[in-house]
Amino acid sequence: MSEVKKLTNNKEVLAYLAAKFPACFSLDGDAKPLKIGIFEELAQRLEDDESVSKTRLRTALRHYTNSWRYLRAMKAGGQRIDLDGNEVGAVEEEHQSHAAEALAESQAAAAERKKKAQAEQRAAAPKRDKTSKPKLTSKPKTAPKRKPKKAPQPKLQAAQGDDLKVGQKVQVKAGKQPVAGEIIERDRNDVVVQLHNGLTVKVATDAIFVAKQE
């Protein structure tokens, strides 16, 4: 019996998912918003598949939903799909707002990395002889780039663990910005939340925030 080849990186896992679930995942072109809770559905469908672990599957899915083309696809009113391409619900305004902000931050970070790389290349390039003056050429004027407007952020306050309920809309502290989600389960001091990007996370109550009452 031949040994099953393990998928070891995001690129391999996403190519595998696109081939196995073509109505749901794509490697290029327009992406489609995924069903909230898609990871659980994937884990169940691939339960006996030894080529991909749940950890690698979760990492690849996070990479997919953080891609620019996926964030651009998160438009309010657009339909989320399951693994078979069936429409299962619409994207909400709040989810579009968070996706737009995540896209703007990712693009700004990429531009900063590119700028830094260019500066390092210039510093490493051989210096010109100061005695030879380069010819001056006029550059066409370009309009200044407009920075993308950030979506207004709700005022948040730390949640009281005893008051958290299943079905409640909350914000989960993840990275620089809180991510919107809904509580689906309480487990002592931990809370299970379905995030707007389709992932499900288990976090402590001190990572949960709710809208501040004015």
C-alpha atoms as a PDB file:
ATOM      1  CA  MET A   1       0.000   0.000   0.000  1.00  0.00           C
ATOM      2  CA  SER A   2       1.511   3.306  -1.102  1.00  0.00           C
ATOM      3  CA  GLU A   3       2.035   6.037   1.468  1.00  0.00           C
ATOM      4  CA  VAL A   4      -0.327   9.037   1.217  1.00  0.00           C
ATOM      5  CA  LYS A   5       1.466  12.262   0.290  1.00  0.00           C
ATOM      6  CA  LYS A   6       0.980  14.937   2.918  1.00  0.00           C
ATOM      7  CA  LEU A   7       0.171  18.463   1.724  1.00  0.00           C
ATOM      8  CA  THR A   8       2.749  20.716   3.395  1.00  0.00           C
ATOM      9  CA  ASN A   9       1.929  24.314   2.420  1.00  0.00           C
ATOM     10  CA  ASN A  10      -0.988  26.657   1.739  1.00  0.00           C
ATOM     11  CA  LYS A  11      -0.494  26.603  -2.030  1.00  0.00           C
ATOM     12  CA  GLU A  12      -0.785  22.815  -2.187  1.00  0.00           C
ATOM     13  CA  VAL A  13      -3.802  22.711   0.133  1.00  0.00           C
ATOM     14  CA  LEU A  14      -5.703  25.426  -1.776  1.00  0.00           C
ATOM     15  CA  ALA A  15      -4.975  23.738  -5.113  1.00  0.00           C
ATOM     16  CA  TYR A  16      -6.312  20.501  -3.600  1.00  0.00           C
ATOM     17  CA  LEU A  17      -9.473  22.221  -2.310  1.00  0.00           C
ATOM     18  CA  ALA A  18     -10.074  23.956  -5.666  1.00  0.00           C
ATOM     19  CA  ALA A  19      -9.853  20.602  -7.423  1.00  0.00           C
ATOM     20  CA  LYS A  20     -12.061  18.800  -4.885  1.00  0.00           C
ATOM     21  CA  PHE A  21     -14.637  21.583  -4.416  1.00  0.00           C
ATOM     22  CA  PRO A  22     -14.525  23.647  -7.653  1.00  0.00           C
ATOM     23  CA  ALA A  23     -17.942  25.216  -7.007  1.00  0.00           C
ATOM     24  CA  CYS A  24     -16.606  26.735  -3.786  1.00  0.00           C
ATOM     25  CA  PHE A  25     -12.871  27.488  -4.124  1.00  0.00           C
ATOM     26  CA  SER A  26     -10.921  29.058  -6.983  1.00  0.00           C
ATOM     27  CA  LEU A  27      -7.230  29.823  -7.495  1.00  0.00           C
ATOM     28  CA  ASP A  28      -7.706  32.921  -9.678  1.00  0.00           C
ATOM     29  CA  GLY A  29     -10.423  35.227 -10.940  1.00  0.00           C
ATOM     30  CA  ASP A  30     -13.297  36.310  -8.700  1.00  0.00           C
ATOM     31  CA  ALA A  31     -13.625  34.590  -5.332  1.00  0.00           C
ATOM     32  CA  LYS A  32     -16.965  33.855  -3.672  1.00  0.00           C
ATOM     33  CA  PRO A  33     -17.836  34.635  -0.033  1.00  0.00           C
ATOM     34  CA  LEU A  34     -17.784  31.428   2.002  1.00  0.00           C
ATOM     35  CA  LYS A  35     -20.437  30.073   4.324  1.00  0.00           C
ATOM     36  CA  ILE A  36     -19.960  31.001   7.974  1.00  0.00           C
ATOM     37  CA  GLY A  37     -18.733  27.805   9.600  1.00  0.00           C
ATOM     38  CA  ILE A  38     -17.168  26.474   6.370  1.00  0.00           C
ATOM     39  CA  PHE A  39     -14.213  25.027   8.317  1.00  0.00           C
ATOM     40  CA  GLU A  40     -16.445  22.613  10.241  1.00  0.00           C
ATOM     41  CA  GLU A  41     -18.040  21.495   6.976  1.00  0.00           C
ATOM     42  CA  LEU A  42     -14.594  20.981   5.416  1.00  0.00           C
ATOM     43  CA  ALA A  43     -13.282  19.075   8.438  1.00  0.00           C
ATOM     44  CA  GLN A  44     -16.277  16.747   8.281  1.00  0.00           C
ATOM     45  CA  ARG A  45     -16.039  16.125   4.543  1.00  0.00           C
ATOM     46  CA  LEU A  46     -12.267  15.502   4.737  1.00  0.00           C
ATOM     47  CA  GLU A  47     -12.345  13.569   8.021  1.00  0.00           C
ATOM     48  CA  ASP A  48     -10.901  10.401   6.427  1.00  0.00           C
ATOM     49  CA  ASP A  49      -8.516  12.233   4.110  1.00  0.00           C
ATOM     50  CA  GLU A  50      -4.971  11.617   5.363  1.00  0.00           C
ATOM     51  CA  SER A  51      -3.363  14.041   2.893  1.00  0.00           C
ATOM     52  CA  VAL A  52      -4.303  17.173   4.835  1.00  0.00           C
ATOM     53  CA  SER A  53      -4.422  17.820   8.597  1.00  0.00           C
ATOM     54  CA  LYS A  54      -6.973  20.038  10.317  1.00  0.00           C
ATOM     55  CA  THR A  55      -4.210  22.436  11.355  1.00  0.00           C
ATOM     56  CA  ARG A  56      -2.938  22.809   7.782  1.00  0.00           C
ATOM     57  CA  LEU A  57      -6.527  23.079   6.537  1.00  0.00           C
ATOM     58  CA  ARG A  58      -7.317  25.889   8.988  1.00  0.00           C
ATOM     59  CA  THR A  59      -4.124  27.791   8.068  1.00  0.00           C
ATOM     60  CA  ALA A  60      -4.816  27.508   4.330  1.00  0.00           C
ATOM     61  CA  LEU A  61      -8.430  28.624   4.805  1.00  0.00           C
ATOM     62  CA  ARG A  62      -7.274  31.679   6.775  1.00  0.00           C
ATOM     63  CA  HIS A  63      -4.788  32.484   3.985  1.00  0.00           C
ATOM     64  CA  TYR A  64      -7.597  32.204   1.405  1.00  0.00           C
ATOM     65  CA  THR A  65     -10.029  34.461   3.275  1.00  0.00           C
ATOM     66  CA  ASN A  66      -7.316  37.089   3.885  1.00  0.00           C
ATOM     67  CA  SER A  67      -6.392  37.319   0.185  1.00  0.00           C
ATOM     68  CA  TRP A  68      -7.144  40.575  -1.624  1.00  0.00           C
ATOM     69  CA  ARG A  69      -9.478  39.000  -4.163  1.00  0.00           C
ATOM     70  CA  TYR A  70     -11.507  37.356  -1.388  1.00  0.00           C
ATOM     71  CA  LEU A  71     -11.739  40.594   0.634  1.00  0.00           C
ATOM     72  CA  ARG A  72     -12.887  42.422  -2.531  1.00  0.00           C
ATOM     73  CA  ALA A  73     -15.628  39.793  -2.963  1.00  0.00           C
ATOM     74  CA  MET A  74     -17.116  40.569   0.460  1.00  0.00           C
ATOM     75  CA  LYS A  75     -19.889  42.897  -0.734  1.00  0.00           C
ATOM     76  CA  ALA A  76     -23.046  43.458   1.296  1.00  0.00           C
ATOM     77  CA  GLY A  77     -25.939  41.518  -0.216  1.00  0.00           C
ATOM     78  CA  GLY A  78     -23.638  39.072  -2.024  1.00  0.00           C
ATOM     79  CA  GLN A  79     -24.421  35.412  -1.401  1.00  0.00           C
ATOM     80  CA  ARG A  80     -22.236  33.143   0.715  1.00  0.00           C
ATOM     81  CA  ILE A  81     -21.823  29.574  -0.557  1.00  0.00           C
ATOM     82  CA  ASP A  82     -21.173  26.127   0.892  1.00  0.00           C
ATOM     83  CA  LEU A  83     -18.722  23.515  -0.424  1.00  0.00           C
ATOM     84  CA  ASP A  84     -21.097  22.519  -3.233  1.00  0.00           C
ATOM     85  CA  GLY A  85     -21.714  26.092  -4.375  1.00  0.00           C
ATOM     86  CA  ASN A  86     -25.177  26.367  -2.823  1.00  0.00           C
ATOM     87  CA  GLU A  87     -26.180  29.852  -1.627  1.00  0.00           C
ATOM     88  CA  VAL A  88     -26.659  29.829   2.135  1.00  0.00           C
ATOM     89  CA  GLY A  89     -27.006  33.494   3.181  1.00  0.00           C
ATOM     90  CA  ALA A  90     -26.079  37.068   2.338  1.00  0.00           C
ATOM     91  CA  VAL A  91     -22.987  39.073   3.339  1.00  0.00           C
ATOM     92  CA  GLU A  92     -23.930  41.739   5.896  1.00  0.00           C
ATOM     93  CA  GLU A  93     -22.933  45.431   5.821  1.00  0.00           C
ATOM     94  CA  GLU A  94     -20.753  44.943   8.906  1.00  0.00           C
ATOM     95  CA  HIS A  95     -18.827  42.126   7.216  1.00  0.00           C
ATOM     96  CA  GLN A  96     -18.219  44.241   4.106  1.00  0.00           C
ATOM     97  CA  SER A  97     -16.941  47.088   6.297  1.00  0.00           C
ATOM     98  CA  HIS A  98     -14.434  44.853   8.107  1.00  0.00           C
ATOM     99  CA  ALA A  99     -13.275  43.281   4.832  1.00  0.00           C
ATOM    100  CA  ALA A 100     -12.730  46.715   3.247  1.00  0.00           C
ATOM    101  CA  GLU A 101     -10.659  47.859   6.202  1.00  0.00           C
ATOM    102  CA  ALA A 102      -8.599  44.640   6.220  1.00  0.00           C
ATOM    103  CA  LEU A 103      -7.960  45.081   2.482  1.00  0.00           C
ATOM    104  CA  ALA A 104      -6.828  48.696   2.919  1.00  0.00           C
ATOM    105  CA  GLU A 105      -4.441  47.726   5.755  1.00  0.00           C
ATOM    106  CA  SER A 106      -2.996  44.803   3.774  1.00  0.00           C
ATOM    107  CA  GLN A 107      -2.432  46.948   0.675  1.00  0.00           C
ATOM    108  CA  ALA A 108      -0.815  49.707   2.745  1.00  0.00           C
ATOM    109  CA  ALA A 109       1.520  47.167   4.369  1.00  0.00           C
ATOM    110  CA  ALA A 110       2.451  45.756   0.944  1.00  0.00           C
ATOM    111  CA  ALA A 111       3.179  49.249  -0.378  1.00  0.00           C
ATOM    112  CA  GLU A 112       5.391  49.960   2.640  1.00  0.00           C
ATOM    113  CA  ARG A 113       7.334  46.716   2.098  1.00  0.00           C
ATOM    114  CA  LYS A 114       7.827  47.587  -1.579  1.00  0.00           C
ATOM    115  CA  LYS A 115       9.018  51.081  -0.673  1.00  0.00           C
ATOM    116  CA  LYS A 116      11.495  49.657   1.843  1.00  0.00           C
ATOM    117  CA  ALA A 117      12.817  47.116  -0.686  1.00  0.00           C
ATOM    118  CA  GLN A 118      13.328  49.846  -3.288  1.00  0.00           C
ATOM    119  CA  ALA A 119      15.210  51.990  -0.753  1.00  0.00           C
ATOM    120  CA  GLU A 120      17.479  49.058   0.091  1.00  0.00           C
ATOM    121  CA  GLN A 121      18.174  48.466  -3.614  1.00  0.00           C
ATOM    122  CA  ARG A 122      19.090  52.120  -4.131  1.00  0.00           C
ATOM    123  CA  ALA A 123      21.401  52.009  -1.116  1.00  0.00           C
ATOM    124  CA  ALA A 124      23.130  48.893  -2.443  1.00  0.00           C
ATOM    125  CA  ALA A 125      23.518  50.261  -6.011  1.00  0.00           C
ATOM    126  CA  PRO A 126      26.938  51.705  -6.973  1.00  0.00           C
ATOM    127  CA  LYS A 127      27.129  55.471  -6.554  1.00  0.00           C
ATOM    128  CA  ARG A 128      27.409  57.631  -9.668  1.00  0.00           C
ATOM    129  CA  ASP A 129      30.395  59.800 -10.412  1.00  0.00           C
ATOM    130  CA  LYS A 130      29.496  63.270  -9.159  1.00  0.00           C
ATOM    131  CA  THR A 131      31.478  64.863 -12.006  1.00  0.00           C
ATOM    132  CA  SER A 132      29.102  63.514 -14.659  1.00  0.00           C
ATOM    133  CA  LYS A 133      25.764  65.232 -14.447  1.00  0.00           C
ATOM    134  CA  PRO A 134      22.758  63.213 -15.570  1.00  0.00           C
ATOM    135  CA  LYS A 135      20.426  64.695 -18.132  1.00  0.00           C
ATOM    136  CA  LEU A 136      17.347  66.265 -16.653  1.00  0.00           C
ATOM    137  CA  THR A 137      14.056  64.965 -17.945  1.00  0.00           C
ATOM    138  CA  SER A 138      10.688  66.395 -17.062  1.00  0.00           C
ATOM    139  CA  LYS A 139       8.328  64.006 -15.383  1.00  0.00           C
ATOM    140  CA  PRO A 140       4.617  64.197 -16.073  1.00  0.00           C
ATOM    141  CA  LYS A 141       2.615  65.400 -13.137  1.00  0.00           C
ATOM    142  CA  THR A 142       0.444  62.804 -11.528  1.00  0.00           C
ATOM    143  CA  ALA A 143      -2.503  63.345  -9.279  1.00  0.00           C
ATOM    144  CA  PRO A 144      -1.797  62.560  -5.609  1.00  0.00           C
ATOM    145  CA  LYS A 145      -3.007  59.150  -4.503  1.00  0.00           C
ATOM    146  CA  ARG A 146      -6.015  59.204  -2.252  1.00  0.00           C
ATOM    147  CA  LYS A 147      -5.814  57.118   0.843  1.00  0.00           C
ATOM    148  CA  PRO A 148      -8.746  54.721   1.220  1.00  0.00           C
ATOM    149  CA  LYS A 149     -11.253  55.872   3.791  1.00  0.00           C
ATOM    150  CA  LYS A 150     -11.365  53.685   6.838  1.00  0.00           C
ATOM    151  CA  ALA A 151     -14.741  52.354   7.833  1.00  0.00           C
ATOM    152  CA  PRO A 152     -16.033  53.949  11.065  1.00  0.00           C
ATOM    153  CA  GLN A 153     -15.206  51.753  14.039  1.00  0.00           C
ATOM    154  CA  PRO A 154     -17.837  51.078  16.712  1.00  0.00           C
ATOM    155  CA  LYS A 155     -16.950  52.083  20.251  1.00  0.00           C
ATOM    156  CA  LEU A 156     -16.231  48.910  22.187  1.00  0.00           C
ATOM    157  CA  GLN A 157     -15.981  47.859  25.791  1.00  0.00           C
ATOM    158  CA  ALA A 158     -14.768  44.653  27.425  1.00  0.00           C
ATOM    159  CA  ALA A 159     -17.565  42.095  27.725  1.00  0.00           C
ATOM    160  CA  GLN A 160     -18.757  40.792  31.088  1.00  0.00           C
ATOM    161  CA  GLY A 161     -18.370  36.998  30.993  1.00  0.00           C
ATOM    162  CA  ASP A 162     -21.605  36.327  32.921  1.00  0.00           C
ATOM    163  CA  ASP A 163     -23.644  38.396  30.446  1.00  0.00           C
ATOM    164  CA  LEU A 164     -22.447  36.692  27.226  1.00  0.00           C
ATOM    165  CA  LYS A 165     -25.117  34.599  25.511  1.00  0.00           C
ATOM    166  CA  VAL A 166     -25.325  32.253  22.523  1.00  0.00           C
ATOM    167  CA  GLY A 167     -26.430  34.198  19.434  1.00  0.00           C
ATOM    168  CA  GLN A 168     -24.992  37.505  20.684  1.00  0.00           C
ATOM    169  CA  LYS A 169     -23.094  39.744  18.220  1.00  0.00           C
ATOM    170  CA  VAL A 170     -19.582  40.468  19.540  1.00  0.00           C
ATOM    171  CA  GLN A 171     -16.116  41.602  18.508  1.00  0.00           C
ATOM    172  CA  VAL A 172     -13.112  39.283  18.951  1.00  0.00           C
ATOM    173  CA  LYS A 173      -9.644  40.723  19.589  1.00  0.00           C
ATOM    174  CA  ALA A 174      -7.536  39.299  16.728  1.00  0.00           C
ATOM    175  CA  GLY A 175      -4.486  41.221  15.549  1.00  0.00           C
ATOM    176  CA  LYS A 176      -4.672  45.001  15.210  1.00  0.00           C
ATOM    177  CA  GLN A 177      -8.434  45.231  14.717  1.00  0.00           C
ATOM    178  CA  PRO A 178     -11.333  43.435  16.449  1.00  0.00           C
ATOM    179  CA  VAL A 179     -13.209  41.028  14.161  1.00  0.00           C
ATOM    180  CA  ALA A 180     -17.000  40.770  14.134  1.00  0.00           C
ATOM    181  CA  GLY A 181     -18.648  37.483  14.974  1.00  0.00           C
ATOM    182  CA  GLU A 182     -21.481  35.704  16.771  1.00  0.00           C
ATOM    183  CA  ILE A 183     -21.338  33.520  19.872  1.00  0.00           C
ATOM    184  CA  ILE A 184     -22.370  29.932  19.090  1.00  0.00           C
ATOM    185  CA  GLU A 185     -21.265  28.167  22.284  1.00  0.00           C
ATOM    186  CA  ARG A 186     -20.250  28.836  25.918  1.00  0.00           C
ATOM    187  CA  ASP A 187     -17.704  26.538  27.592  1.00  0.00           C
ATOM    188  CA  ARG A 188     -16.894  27.672  31.144  1.00  0.00           C
ATOM    189  CA  ASN A 189     -14.379  30.505  30.749  1.00  0.00           C
ATOM    190  CA  ASP A 190     -14.104  30.059  26.978  1.00  0.00           C
ATOM    191  CA  VAL A 191     -16.416  31.270  24.217  1.00  0.00           C
ATOM    192  CA  VAL A 192     -16.803  29.776  20.719  1.00  0.00           C
ATOM    193  CA  VAL A 193     -17.402  32.494  18.096  1.00  0.00           C
ATOM    194  CA  GLN A 194     -18.161  32.257  14.374  1.00  0.00           C
ATOM    195  CA  LEU A 195     -16.285  35.093  12.638  1.00  0.00           C
ATOM    196  CA  HIS A 196     -17.641  36.998   9.625  1.00  0.00           C
ATOM    197  CA  ASN A 197     -14.982  35.453   7.341  1.00  0.00           C
ATOM    198  CA  GLY A 198     -16.334  31.954   7.915  1.00  0.00           C
ATOM    199  CA  LEU A 199     -13.860  30.762  10.558  1.00  0.00           C
ATOM    200  CA  THR A 200     -14.777  29.554  14.039  1.00  0.00           C
ATOM    201  CA  VAL A 201     -12.521  30.392  17.000  1.00  0.00           C
ATOM    202  CA  LYS A 202     -12.456  29.510  20.693  1.00  0.00           C
ATOM    203  CA  VAL A 203     -11.264  32.388  22.870  1.00  0.00           C
ATOM    204  CA  ALA A 204     -11.205  33.465  26.502  1.00  0.00           C
ATOM    205  CA  THR A 205     -13.842  35.939  27.668  1.00  0.00           C
ATOM    206  CA  ASP A 206     -11.226  38.697  28.080  1.00  0.00           C
ATOM    207  CA  ALA A 207     -10.766  38.690  24.272  1.00  0.00           C
ATOM    208  CA  ILE A 208     -14.479  39.436  23.717  1.00  0.00           C
ATOM    209  CA  PHE A 209     -15.784  42.985  23.273  1.00  0.00           C
ATOM    210  CA  VAL A 210     -19.277  44.391  22.776  1.00  0.00           C
ATOM    211  CA  ALA A 211     -20.637  47.680  21.466  1.00  0.00           C
ATOM    212  CA  LYS A 212     -20.404  50.407  24.110  1.00  0.00           C
ATOM    213  CA  GLN A 213     -23.707  51.824  25.225  1.00  0.00           C
ATOM    214  CA  GLU A 214     -23.836  55.617  24.674  1.00  0.00           C
END
